[in-house]
Amino acid sequence: MRGLRVWAALIGFVIVVFGGLYLWWDLDVRWRPHVIKAHQDEIATALQGAGWVSPGLSGPKLYMIATRDCAACDAYVASEFPKLQKAGVDTRVIMIAPPDVNGAAKSTPAERATVAELWVNRNWGLYQSWMSVPANAWTAPHIPPADGDAARTAVITAGRDLVDRLRPLLNASGVKSGYPTLIWWAKNGSLNGCACQAPQSDKYIRKDLGAE
């Protein structure tokens, strides 16, 4: 009987320990962004050379790679951009027009025109105007079309190529593919990133950028 009690106590202890570890992982560890240790220079060069738009703030830099039809992207912008910008973080947005799939377009002509214009002229005001209306209501007023324009079509392709180029570089540090993809330099100098689709990750990003 004594042996059985000892085994029961040991089993109970193991259950408590593993239960605590799982709870810690579920509530904390799983939501933490990844430190990007591989290909830092190549990733930084690709981001800096992309057609990002920003409010031009002088603080830390946060890059967000996003598409227009992305609920998680919209939620992050609405919830976190005001807090980050208040702390001086330069929120640099890189908009992508998704590629066709099996011959079916996954972006609209107005979307492609706007993405091309953002990459070419980096107009933060245009980005804000685009975000201020529902995606399906945007008509890209007074913006040259990208379709039929070789130069602007090449810009759209450059955005898609950027995503393809970054995917394996980020995966090497555990950053999965998805939108929004967020990449930033923390206060301690590390390069961090995540495909941050859940709000549980937001507090870690704010802390890294000094926005808490």
Protein backbone atom coordinates (compact mmCIF):
# COMPACT_ATOMS: atom_id res chain seq x y z
CA MET A 1 0.00 0.00 0.00
CA ARG A 2 2.80 2.38 0.85
CA GLY A 3 4.34 1.81 -2.58
CA LEU A 4 1.03 2.59 -4.25
CA ARG A 5 0.72 5.83 -2.30
CA VAL A 6 4.23 6.84 -3.33
CA TRP A 7 3.47 6.15 -6.98
CA ALA A 8 0.17 8.00 -6.74
CA ALA A 9 1.97 10.99 -5.21
CA LEU A 10 4.61 10.92 -7.94
CA ILE A 11 1.98 10.71 -10.68
CA GLY A 12 0.07 13.57 -9.07
CA PHE A 13 3.26 15.65 -8.90
CA VAL A 14 4.02 15.00 -12.57
CA ILE A 15 0.48 15.96 -13.58
CA VAL A 16 0.72 19.22 -11.63
CA VAL A 17 4.12 20.08 -13.11
CA PHE A 18 3.14 19.34 -16.69
CA GLY A 19 -0.20 21.05 -16.19
CA GLY A 20 1.59 24.15 -14.95
CA LEU A 21 4.03 24.06 -17.86
CA TYR A 22 1.19 23.71 -20.37
CA LEU A 23 -0.69 26.60 -18.76
CA TRP A 24 2.45 28.75 -18.93
CA TRP A 25 2.91 27.86 -22.58
CA ASP A 26 -0.76 28.41 -23.41
CA LEU A 27 -1.05 31.79 -21.69
CA ASP A 28 2.41 33.20 -22.36
CA VAL A 29 5.07 31.40 -24.39
CA ARG A 30 2.97 30.56 -27.45
CA TRP A 31 2.13 34.23 -28.03
CA ARG A 32 5.64 35.62 -27.77
CA PRO A 33 7.21 36.94 -30.98
CA HIS A 34 10.39 35.35 -32.30
CA VAL A 35 13.87 36.83 -32.16
CA ILE A 36 15.19 36.86 -35.71
CA LYS A 37 18.75 35.58 -35.50
CA ALA A 38 19.29 34.44 -39.09
CA HIS A 39 19.52 36.57 -42.25
CA GLN A 40 19.11 39.84 -40.34
CA ASP A 41 20.93 42.00 -42.88
CA GLU A 42 19.07 40.55 -45.84
CA ILE A 43 15.70 40.99 -44.13
CA ALA A 44 16.50 44.57 -43.10
CA THR A 45 17.66 45.47 -46.61
CA ALA A 46 14.52 44.00 -48.17
CA LEU A 47 12.24 45.92 -45.81
CA GLN A 48 14.03 49.22 -46.21
CA GLY A 49 13.91 48.94 -49.98
CA ALA A 50 10.20 48.13 -50.13
CA GLY A 51 7.47 50.66 -50.88
CA TRP A 52 6.46 51.32 -47.29
CA VAL A 53 4.44 54.29 -46.08
CA SER A 54 4.58 55.78 -42.60
CA PRO A 55 3.70 58.87 -40.55
CA GLY A 56 7.41 59.75 -40.48
CA LEU A 57 7.94 59.49 -36.73
CA SER A 58 11.45 59.51 -35.29
CA GLY A 59 11.22 56.59 -32.87
CA PRO A 60 11.73 52.83 -33.32
CA LYS A 61 10.64 51.28 -36.60
CA LEU A 62 7.88 48.70 -36.94
CA TYR A 63 7.22 47.20 -40.38
CA MET A 64 3.81 45.70 -41.08
CA ILE A 65 3.32 43.65 -44.25
CA ALA A 66 -0.41 43.51 -44.95
CA THR A 67 -3.15 43.06 -47.51
CA ARG A 68 -6.31 45.10 -47.72
CA ASP A 69 -8.75 42.23 -47.23
CA CYS A 70 -7.28 41.19 -43.88
CA ALA A 71 -9.38 41.46 -40.74
CA ALA A 72 -6.41 40.81 -38.45
CA CYS A 73 -4.46 43.61 -40.17
CA ASP A 74 -7.34 46.05 -39.74
CA ALA A 75 -7.73 45.07 -36.08
CA TYR A 76 -4.04 45.60 -35.38
CA VAL A 77 -4.02 49.02 -37.04
CA ALA A 78 -7.13 50.14 -35.15
CA SER A 79 -6.02 48.79 -31.76
CA GLU A 80 -2.23 49.21 -31.73
CA PHE A 81 -1.16 51.94 -34.15
CA PRO A 82 -2.47 54.80 -31.96
CA LYS A 83 -0.56 53.44 -28.93
CA LEU A 84 2.63 52.87 -30.91
CA GLN A 85 2.54 56.23 -32.66
CA LYS A 86 1.90 58.00 -29.36
CA ALA A 87 5.19 56.49 -28.18
CA GLY A 88 6.95 57.74 -31.33
CA VAL A 89 7.09 54.41 -33.15
CA ASP A 90 7.29 54.86 -36.93
CA THR A 91 4.67 52.40 -38.19
CA ARG A 92 5.85 51.48 -41.67
CA VAL A 93 3.17 49.73 -43.69
CA ILE A 94 3.96 47.61 -46.74
CA MET A 95 0.77 46.81 -48.63
CA ILE A 96 0.68 43.79 -50.93
CA ALA A 97 -1.82 42.91 -53.66
CA PRO A 98 -2.21 39.12 -53.32
CA PRO A 99 -1.30 37.09 -56.41
CA ASP A 100 -3.84 35.26 -58.54
CA VAL A 101 -4.66 31.69 -57.58
CA ASN A 102 -5.39 29.21 -60.38
CA GLY A 103 -6.10 32.09 -62.70
CA ALA A 104 -8.57 33.76 -60.30
CA ALA A 105 -7.72 37.28 -59.16
CA LYS A 106 -7.41 37.71 -55.39
CA SER A 107 -7.25 41.49 -55.61
CA THR A 108 -9.36 44.14 -57.32
CA PRO A 109 -8.22 46.67 -59.94
CA ALA A 110 -8.72 49.47 -57.40
CA GLU A 111 -6.61 47.57 -54.87
CA ARG A 112 -3.79 46.98 -57.34
CA ALA A 113 -3.85 50.63 -58.41
CA THR A 114 -3.65 51.81 -54.81
CA VAL A 115 -0.88 49.42 -53.83
CA ALA A 116 1.18 50.55 -56.82
CA GLU A 117 0.60 54.20 -55.95
CA LEU A 118 1.64 53.64 -52.35
CA TRP A 119 4.85 51.92 -53.42
CA VAL A 120 5.68 54.59 -56.00
CA ASN A 121 4.86 57.76 -54.05
CA ARG A 122 4.75 56.61 -50.38
CA ASN A 123 1.74 58.71 -49.48
CA TRP A 124 0.70 58.08 -45.87
CA GLY A 125 -2.41 60.21 -46.36
CA LEU A 126 -3.53 57.94 -49.20
CA TYR A 127 -3.06 54.90 -47.00
CA GLN A 128 -5.18 56.51 -44.28
CA SER A 129 -7.91 57.39 -46.78
CA TRP A 130 -7.94 53.81 -48.07
CA MET A 131 -8.22 52.40 -44.58
CA SER A 132 -11.06 54.78 -43.70
CA VAL A 133 -13.59 53.06 -45.98
CA PRO A 134 -14.64 49.41 -46.37
CA ALA A 135 -12.39 47.52 -48.76
CA ASN A 136 -15.20 46.77 -51.21
CA ALA A 137 -16.24 50.45 -51.31
CA TRP A 138 -12.86 51.82 -52.35
CA THR A 139 -12.71 53.03 -55.97
CA ALA A 140 -9.14 54.42 -56.00
CA PRO A 141 -10.24 57.91 -57.06
CA HIS A 142 -7.73 59.91 -59.14
CA ILE A 143 -5.18 57.08 -58.98
CA PRO A 144 -3.67 55.76 -62.22
CA PRO A 145 -4.58 52.12 -62.86
CA ALA A 146 -1.90 49.50 -62.48
CA ASP A 147 -3.50 47.12 -64.95
CA GLY A 148 -2.20 47.83 -68.44
CA ASP A 149 0.69 49.92 -67.13
CA ALA A 150 3.90 47.91 -67.36
CA ALA A 151 5.77 49.97 -64.79
CA ARG A 152 3.01 49.84 -62.17
CA THR A 153 2.36 46.17 -62.81
CA ALA A 154 6.06 45.59 -62.13
CA VAL A 155 5.61 47.36 -58.78
CA ILE A 156 2.78 44.97 -57.89
CA THR A 157 5.04 42.05 -58.80
CA ALA A 158 7.83 43.49 -56.66
CA GLY A 159 5.54 43.44 -53.64
CA ARG A 160 4.61 39.83 -54.19
CA ASP A 161 8.25 38.93 -54.75
CA LEU A 162 9.11 40.60 -51.45
CA VAL A 163 6.77 38.23 -49.61
CA ASP A 164 8.24 35.22 -51.42
CA ARG A 165 11.76 36.39 -50.66
CA LEU A 166 11.11 36.99 -46.97
CA ARG A 167 9.18 33.79 -46.31
CA PRO A 168 12.15 31.38 -46.04
CA LEU A 169 14.32 34.00 -44.34
CA LEU A 170 11.74 34.51 -41.59
CA ASN A 171 10.87 30.82 -41.33
CA ALA A 172 14.51 30.17 -40.44
CA SER A 173 13.84 31.97 -37.14
CA GLY A 174 10.42 30.42 -36.55
CA VAL A 175 8.32 33.26 -37.97
CA LYS A 176 5.42 31.70 -39.84
CA SER A 177 3.79 33.10 -42.95
CA GLY A 178 0.64 35.16 -42.61
CA TYR A 179 -0.82 38.64 -42.46
CA PRO A 180 -0.07 40.87 -40.79
CA THR A 181 3.62 40.05 -40.65
CA LEU A 182 5.25 42.40 -38.15
CA ILE A 183 9.00 43.00 -37.93
CA TRP A 184 10.66 45.46 -35.58
CA TRP A 185 13.82 46.38 -33.74
CA ALA A 186 13.36 46.11 -29.99
CA LYS A 187 14.87 48.52 -27.47
CA ASN A 188 17.61 46.00 -26.75
CA GLY A 189 18.66 46.04 -30.42
CA SER A 190 17.27 42.62 -31.38
CA LEU A 191 15.28 42.12 -34.57
CA ASN A 192 11.95 40.49 -33.77
CA GLY A 193 8.98 39.32 -35.79
CA CYS A 194 5.75 37.37 -35.92
CA ALA A 195 2.72 36.70 -38.04
CA CYS A 196 0.70 38.40 -35.31
CA GLN A 197 -2.90 37.43 -35.93
CA ALA A 198 -3.89 37.17 -32.26
CA PRO A 199 -4.12 40.12 -29.85
CA GLN A 200 -2.30 38.13 -27.17
CA SER A 201 0.97 39.04 -28.91
CA ASP A 202 0.34 42.78 -28.85
CA LYS A 203 1.63 43.44 -25.33
CA TYR A 204 5.02 41.92 -26.16
CA ILE A 205 5.39 44.16 -29.20
CA ARG A 206 4.46 47.27 -27.20
CA LYS A 207 6.99 46.34 -24.54
CA ASP A 208 9.75 45.78 -27.09
CA LEU A 209 9.07 49.19 -28.63
CA GLY A 210 8.68 51.11 -25.38
CA ALA A 211 5.00 51.78 -25.94
CA GLU A 212 3.76 50.64 -22.52
